C-alpha atoms as a PDB file:
ATOM      1  CA  UNK A   1       0.261  69.169  78.469  1.00  0.00           C
ATOM      2  CA  UNK A   2       3.583  69.461  76.574  1.00  0.00           C
ATOM      3  CA  UNK A   3       5.457  70.466  79.732  1.00  0.00           C
ATOM      4  CA  UNK A   4       3.913  67.630  81.718  1.00  0.00           C
ATOM      5  CA  UNK A   5       4.865  65.157  79.005  1.00  0.00           C
ATOM      6  CA  UNK A   6       8.443  66.422  78.937  1.00  0.00           C
ATOM      7  CA  UNK A   7       8.715  66.142  82.723  1.00  0.00           C
ATOM      8  CA  UNK A   8       7.236  62.643  82.691  1.00  0.00           C
ATOM      9  CA  UNK A   9       9.705  61.525  79.975  1.00  0.00           C
ATOM     10  CA  UNK A  10      12.784  62.889  81.770  1.00  0.00           C
ATOM     11  CA  UNK A  11      11.902  62.371  85.418  1.00  0.00           C
ATOM     12  CA  UNK A  12      13.736  59.111  86.037  1.00  0.00           C
ATOM     13  CA  UNK A  13      13.069  56.490  88.648  1.00  0.00           C
ATOM     14  CA  UNK A  14      13.152  57.071  92.414  1.00  0.00           C
ATOM     15  CA  UNK A  15      16.336  55.881  94.086  1.00  0.00           C
ATOM     16  CA  UNK A  16      16.353  53.173  96.736  1.00  0.00           C
ATOM     17  CA  UNK A  17      18.002  53.321 100.161  1.00  0.00           C
ATOM     18  CA  UNK A  18      21.205  51.647  98.948  1.00  0.00           C
ATOM     19  CA  UNK A  19      21.590  54.183  96.152  1.00  0.00           C
ATOM     20  CA  UNK A  20      20.861  57.037  98.570  1.00  0.00           C
ATOM     21  CA  UNK A  21      23.669  55.878 100.863  1.00  0.00           C
ATOM     22  CA  UNK A  22      26.054  55.571  97.929  1.00  0.00           C
ATOM     23  CA  UNK A  23      25.181  59.088  96.727  1.00  0.00           C
ATOM     24  CA  UNK A  24      25.559  60.530 100.244  1.00  0.00           C
ATOM     25  CA  UNK A  25      28.947  58.865 100.726  1.00  0.00           C
ATOM     26  CA  UNK A  26      30.154  60.082  97.336  1.00  0.00           C
ATOM     27  CA  UNK A  27      28.975  63.614  98.134  1.00  0.00           C
ATOM     28  CA  UNK A  28      30.954  63.583 101.392  1.00  0.00           C
ATOM     29  CA  UNK A  29      34.039  62.290  99.555  1.00  0.00           C
ATOM     30  CA  UNK A  30      33.766  65.065  96.965  1.00  0.00           C
ATOM     31  CA  UNK A  31      33.316  67.709  99.659  1.00  0.00           C
ATOM     32  CA  UNK A  32      36.379  66.367 101.459  1.00  0.00           C
ATOM     33  CA  UNK A  33      38.353  66.676  98.226  1.00  0.00           C
ATOM     34  CA  UNK A  34      37.094  70.236  97.699  1.00  0.00           C
ATOM     35  CA  UNK A  35      37.934  71.209 101.280  1.00  0.00           C
ATOM     36  CA  UNK A  36      41.418  69.708 100.979  1.00  0.00           C
ATOM     37  CA  UNK A  37      42.171  71.600  97.770  1.00  0.00           C
ATOM     38  CA  UNK A  38      40.784  74.926  98.986  1.00  0.00           C
ATOM     39  CA  UNK A  39      39.515  75.605  95.488  1.00  0.00           C
ATOM     40  CA  UNK A  40      38.677  79.104  94.382  1.00  0.00           C
ATOM     41  CA  UNK A  41      35.960  77.660  92.131  1.00  0.00           C
ATOM     42  CA  UNK A  42      34.095  75.606  94.740  1.00  0.00           C
ATOM     43  CA  UNK A  43      33.499  76.832  98.264  1.00  0.00           C
ATOM     44  CA  UNK A  44      32.964  74.121 100.861  1.00  0.00           C
ATOM     45  CA  UNK A  45      31.401  76.730 103.158  1.00  0.00           C
ATOM     46  CA  UNK A  46      28.340  76.577 100.902  1.00  0.00           C
ATOM     47  CA  UNK A  47      27.815  73.000 102.108  1.00  0.00           C
ATOM     48  CA  UNK A  48      28.122  73.836 105.830  1.00  0.00           C
ATOM     49  CA  UNK A  49      24.401  73.504 106.637  1.00  0.00           C
ATOM     50  CA  UNK A  50      24.255  70.074 104.983  1.00  0.00           C
ATOM     51  CA  UNK A  51      27.489  68.954 106.661  1.00  0.00           C
ATOM     52  CA  UNK A  52      26.280  70.045 110.093  1.00  0.00           C
ATOM     53  CA  UNK A  53      22.983  68.253 109.481  1.00  0.00           C
ATOM     54  CA  UNK A  54      24.902  65.145 108.365  1.00  0.00           C
ATOM     55  CA  UNK A  55      26.475  64.973 111.845  1.00  0.00           C
ATOM     56  CA  UNK A  56      23.031  63.836 113.030  1.00  0.00           C
ATOM     57  CA  UNK A  57      22.691  61.127 110.395  1.00  0.00           C
ATOM     58  CA  UNK A  58      22.082  57.540 111.523  1.00  0.00           C
ATOM     59  CA  UNK A  59      24.784  56.218 109.205  1.00  0.00           C
ATOM     60  CA  UNK A  60      28.190  56.218 110.868  1.00  0.00           C
ATOM     61  CA  UNK A  61      30.091  56.596 107.580  1.00  0.00           C
ATOM     62  CA  UNK A  62      28.160  59.749 106.738  1.00  0.00           C
ATOM     63  CA  UNK A  63      28.750  61.240 110.197  1.00  0.00           C
ATOM     64  CA  UNK A  64      32.444  60.340 110.033  1.00  0.00           C
ATOM     65  CA  UNK A  65      32.826  61.822 106.556  1.00  0.00           C
ATOM     66  CA  UNK A  66      30.984  65.021 107.455  1.00  0.00           C
ATOM     67  CA  UNK A  67      33.127  65.455 110.581  1.00  0.00           C
ATOM     68  CA  UNK A  68      36.289  64.973 108.522  1.00  0.00           C
ATOM     69  CA  UNK A  69      35.179  67.630 106.049  1.00  0.00           C
ATOM     70  CA  UNK A  70      34.217  70.032 108.840  1.00  0.00           C
ATOM     71  CA  UNK A  71      37.649  69.496 110.405  1.00  0.00           C
ATOM     72  CA  UNK A  72      39.143  71.071 107.280  1.00  0.00           C
ATOM     73  CA  UNK A  73      36.805  74.068 107.267  1.00  0.00           C
ATOM     74  CA  UNK A  74      38.165  77.166 109.004  1.00  0.00           C
ATOM     75  CA  UNK A  75      35.852  79.023 111.333  1.00  0.00           C
ATOM     76  CA  UNK A  76      34.216  78.540 114.692  1.00  0.00           C
ATOM     77  CA  UNK A  77      30.909  77.206 113.358  1.00  0.00           C
ATOM     78  CA  UNK A  78      32.495  74.081 111.880  1.00  0.00           C
ATOM     79  CA  UNK A  79      34.571  73.338 114.984  1.00  0.00           C
ATOM     80  CA  UNK A  80      31.696  73.942 117.360  1.00  0.00           C
ATOM     81  CA  UNK A  81      29.382  71.692 115.358  1.00  0.00           C
ATOM     82  CA  UNK A  82      31.915  68.862 115.573  1.00  0.00           C
ATOM     83  CA  UNK A  83      32.406  69.544 119.297  1.00  0.00           C
ATOM     84  CA  UNK A  84      28.647  69.449 119.901  1.00  0.00           C
ATOM     85  CA  UNK A  85      28.403  66.093 118.138  1.00  0.00           C
ATOM     86  CA  UNK A  86      31.473  64.651 119.887  1.00  0.00           C
ATOM     87  CA  UNK A  87      30.214  65.657 123.326  1.00  0.00           C
ATOM     88  CA  UNK A  88      26.662  64.381 122.783  1.00  0.00           C
ATOM     89  CA  UNK A  89      26.105  61.700 125.434  1.00  0.00           C
ATOM     90  CA  UNK A  90      23.365  60.038 123.356  1.00  0.00           C
ATOM     91  CA  UNK A  91      25.948  58.787 120.858  1.00  0.00           C
ATOM     92  CA  UNK A  92      27.904  55.582 121.208  1.00  0.00           C
ATOM     93  CA  UNK A  93      31.489  55.632 122.425  1.00  0.00           C
ATOM     94  CA  UNK A  94      32.939  54.452 119.091  1.00  0.00           C
ATOM     95  CA  UNK A  95      31.278  57.269 117.150  1.00  0.00           C
ATOM     96  CA  UNK A  96      32.244  59.812 119.801  1.00  0.00           C
ATOM     97  CA  UNK A  97      35.892  58.710 119.474  1.00  0.00           C
ATOM     98  CA  UNK A  98      35.742  59.369 115.732  1.00  0.00           C
ATOM     99  CA  UNK A  99      34.181  62.776 116.334  1.00  0.00           C
ATOM    100  CA  UNK A 100      36.717  63.663 119.029  1.00  0.00           C
ATOM    101  CA  UNK A 101      39.520  62.817 116.607  1.00  0.00           C
ATOM    102  CA  UNK A 102      37.915  65.115 114.022  1.00  0.00           C
ATOM    103  CA  UNK A 103      37.674  67.823 116.678  1.00  0.00           C
ATOM    104  CA  UNK A 104      41.380  67.361 117.428  1.00  0.00           C
ATOM    105  CA  UNK A 105      42.196  67.646 113.708  1.00  0.00           C
ATOM    106  CA  UNK A 106      40.061  70.762 113.396  1.00  0.00           C
ATOM    107  CA  UNK A 107      41.736  72.418 116.374  1.00  0.00           C
ATOM    108  CA  UNK A 108      45.170  71.453 115.070  1.00  0.00           C
ATOM    109  CA  UNK A 109      44.377  72.906 111.644  1.00  0.00           C
ATOM    110  CA  UNK A 110      42.593  76.076 112.728  1.00  0.00           C
ATOM    111  CA  UNK A 111      43.305  76.700 116.414  1.00  0.00           C
ATOM    112  CA  UNK A 112      40.876  76.435 119.316  1.00  0.00           C
ATOM    113  CA  UNK A 113      37.469  77.934 118.558  1.00  0.00           C
ATOM    114  CA  UNK A 114      35.197  76.118 120.990  1.00  0.00           C
ATOM    115  CA  UNK A 115      33.197  77.732 123.774  1.00  0.00           C
ATOM    116  CA  UNK A 116      33.770  77.491 127.512  1.00  0.00           C
ATOM    117  CA  UNK A 117      30.789  75.131 127.611  1.00  0.00           C
ATOM    118  CA  UNK A 118      32.599  72.754 125.245  1.00  0.00           C
ATOM    119  CA  UNK A 119      35.780  72.977 127.307  1.00  0.00           C
ATOM    120  CA  UNK A 120      33.925  72.120 130.508  1.00  0.00           C
ATOM    121  CA  UNK A 121      32.148  69.161 128.891  1.00  0.00           C
ATOM    122  CA  UNK A 122      35.441  67.911 127.448  1.00  0.00           C
ATOM    123  CA  UNK A 123      37.134  68.034 130.858  1.00  0.00           C
ATOM    124  CA  UNK A 124      34.156  66.206 132.346  1.00  0.00           C
ATOM    125  CA  UNK A 125      34.441  63.540 129.639  1.00  0.00           C
ATOM    126  CA  UNK A 126      38.143  63.090 130.344  1.00  0.00           C
ATOM    127  CA  UNK A 127      37.391  62.674 134.030  1.00  0.00           C
ATOM    128  CA  UNK A 128      34.494  60.250 133.648  1.00  0.00           C
ATOM    129  CA  UNK A 129      35.529  58.118 130.668  1.00  0.00           C
ATOM    130  CA  UNK A 130      38.008  55.282 130.338  1.00  0.00           C
ATOM    131  CA  UNK A 131      40.012  53.557 127.651  1.00  0.00           C
ATOM    132  CA  UNK A 132      39.902  54.668 124.030  1.00  0.00           C
ATOM    133  CA  UNK A 133      37.224  57.284 124.635  1.00  0.00           C
ATOM    134  CA  UNK A 134      39.325  58.927 127.355  1.00  0.00           C
ATOM    135  CA  UNK A 135      42.369  58.889 125.062  1.00  0.00           C
ATOM    136  CA  UNK A 136      40.407  60.530 122.231  1.00  0.00           C
ATOM    137  CA  UNK A 137      39.043  63.149 124.652  1.00  0.00           C
ATOM    138  CA  UNK A 138      42.547  63.867 125.937  1.00  0.00           C
ATOM    139  CA  UNK A 139      43.806  64.157 122.340  1.00  0.00           C
ATOM    140  CA  UNK A 140      41.102  66.722 121.569  1.00  0.00           C
ATOM    141  CA  UNK A 141      41.899  68.538 124.802  1.00  0.00           C
ATOM    142  CA  UNK A 142      45.563  68.737 123.875  1.00  0.00           C
ATOM    143  CA  UNK A 143      44.815  69.881 120.319  1.00  0.00           C
ATOM    144  CA  UNK A 144      42.647  72.656 121.716  1.00  0.00           C
ATOM    145  CA  UNK A 145      45.798  73.881 123.501  1.00  0.00           C
ATOM    146  CA  UNK A 146      44.055  73.718 126.824  1.00  0.00           C
ATOM    147  CA  UNK A 147      46.167  73.938 129.962  1.00  0.00           C
ATOM    148  CA  UNK A 148      47.036  70.480 131.191  1.00  0.00           C
ATOM    149  CA  UNK A 149      46.896  71.477 134.875  1.00  0.00           C
ATOM    150  CA  UNK A 150      43.227  70.442 135.132  1.00  0.00           C
ATOM    151  CA  UNK A 151      43.905  67.024 133.639  1.00  0.00           C
ATOM    152  CA  UNK A 152      46.988  66.509 135.827  1.00  0.00           C
ATOM    153  CA  UNK A 153      44.895  67.298 138.918  1.00  0.00           C
ATOM    154  CA  UNK A 154      42.308  64.748 137.810  1.00  0.00           C
ATOM    155  CA  UNK A 155      44.907  62.069 137.227  1.00  0.00           C
ATOM    156  CA  UNK A 156      46.811  62.617 140.453  1.00  0.00           C
ATOM    157  CA  UNK A 157      43.705  62.828 142.636  1.00  0.00           C
ATOM    158  CA  UNK A 158      42.625  59.265 141.783  1.00  0.00           C
END
């Protein structure tokens, strides 16, 4: 009974949806700060599973923040997770542009670490998209240091 009473006294109230969003956004901001500082005390790699999962969140700000953090994390897993999210056709064009820009930042910071599957899907996106989405896809393509011959062929064949 004493333990149950102590738990009941110190449990606190459940948080509402607005508070949950605020906590999630703050967590992403803190992880971005940790990733940017490359601290020896905190390791952003420990948060990789949560960051990758956050790429599937319904809240655009959370997805954007997670992608920005992952863009600062060295290693193929982070870059490939961002590429998977950016190339997911179920997502809206505006969110995909944000993710493609994070992919470009990741490739610029850490070099190309995507798979051939990602490269093929990115070329397909460049070929089939227009406007801002096509520009973001081309930016990611360039950051991945891909040969431009394929893109030039696409542009000159139209």
